[in-house]
Protein backbone atom coordinates (compact mmCIF):
# COMPACT_ATOMS: atom_id res chain seq x y z
CA MET A 1 104.64 161.10 91.63
CA ARG A 2 105.61 157.47 91.38
CA ARG A 3 104.25 155.12 94.02
CA GLN A 4 106.65 152.47 95.25
CA SER A 5 105.31 149.02 95.92
CA MET A 6 105.93 147.41 99.28
CA SER A 7 107.96 144.26 99.57
CA THR A 8 106.38 141.35 101.38
CA SER A 9 108.77 141.78 104.31
CA GLU A 10 107.73 145.35 105.16
CA LEU A 11 105.45 145.71 108.17
CA VAL A 12 102.71 148.32 108.27
CA SER A 13 102.11 149.59 111.81
CA CYS A 14 99.03 151.52 112.82
CA VAL A 15 98.89 153.14 116.27
CA ILE A 16 95.52 154.19 117.69
CA CYS A 17 95.35 156.24 120.88
CA THR A 18 91.92 156.36 122.44
CA ARG A 19 90.06 157.62 125.49
CA ASN A 20 86.44 156.74 126.27
CA ARG A 21 85.52 155.90 122.65
CA ALA A 22 84.86 152.15 122.76
CA GLN A 23 82.30 151.82 119.96
CA PRO A 24 84.14 153.89 117.32
CA LEU A 25 87.35 152.09 118.32
CA ALA A 26 85.81 148.67 117.66
CA ARG A 27 84.61 149.82 114.21
CA VAL A 28 88.04 151.20 113.28
CA VAL A 29 89.85 148.05 114.43
CA ALA A 30 87.41 145.82 112.52
CA SER A 31 87.92 147.89 109.38
CA LEU A 32 91.71 147.84 109.60
CA LEU A 33 91.89 144.10 110.28
CA ALA A 34 89.53 143.41 107.37
CA GLY A 35 91.73 145.38 104.98
CA GLU A 36 94.12 143.91 102.46
CA THR A 37 97.32 145.32 103.97
CA GLU A 38 99.67 142.55 105.06
CA PRO A 39 101.71 142.25 107.15
CA LEU A 40 99.90 144.53 109.58
CA GLU A 41 100.56 145.42 113.21
CA LEU A 42 97.81 147.30 115.01
CA LEU A 43 98.66 148.92 118.35
CA VAL A 44 95.86 150.30 120.54
CA ILE A 45 96.81 152.58 123.43
CA ASP A 46 93.82 153.00 125.74
CA GLN A 47 93.62 155.87 128.23
CA SER A 48 89.96 155.34 129.08
CA ASP A 49 88.47 155.78 132.53
CA GLY A 50 86.77 152.38 132.47
CA PRO A 51 87.03 148.95 130.83
CA GLU A 52 84.70 149.65 127.89
CA ALA A 53 87.39 149.81 125.19
CA GLU A 54 89.01 146.59 126.35
CA LEU A 55 85.62 144.87 126.40
CA ALA A 56 84.80 146.19 122.91
CA LEU A 57 88.03 144.67 121.55
CA ARG A 58 87.51 141.20 123.00
CA GLU A 59 86.08 139.93 119.73
CA PHE A 60 89.53 140.49 118.20
CA ALA A 61 91.47 138.82 121.04
CA GLY A 62 92.61 135.88 118.88
CA ASP A 63 94.11 138.08 116.16
CA ALA A 64 97.90 138.22 116.57
CA ARG A 65 98.07 141.47 114.57
CA LEU A 66 96.34 143.40 117.39
CA ARG A 67 98.20 144.57 120.49
CA TYR A 68 96.29 146.31 123.26
CA HIS A 69 97.87 148.41 126.01
CA ARG A 70 95.95 150.08 128.82
CA SER A 71 97.78 153.22 129.91
CA SER A 72 97.35 154.50 133.46
CA GLN A 73 96.98 158.22 133.87
């Protein structure tokens, strides 16, 4: 199988859906943002009961590649 290379204009999107898993979520986001894939768009959909996930992601607030959405249930 031949692997095609990505052009520099192709965007890689990663969608993470989470519920009440703030600490693992922060580790996953840190790992993805530290990777070599560019350009990257990281979408986090949070269905947690409390604010823990949002608080855990605050350290990444200045990174334009990360988009956070809190989903009401």
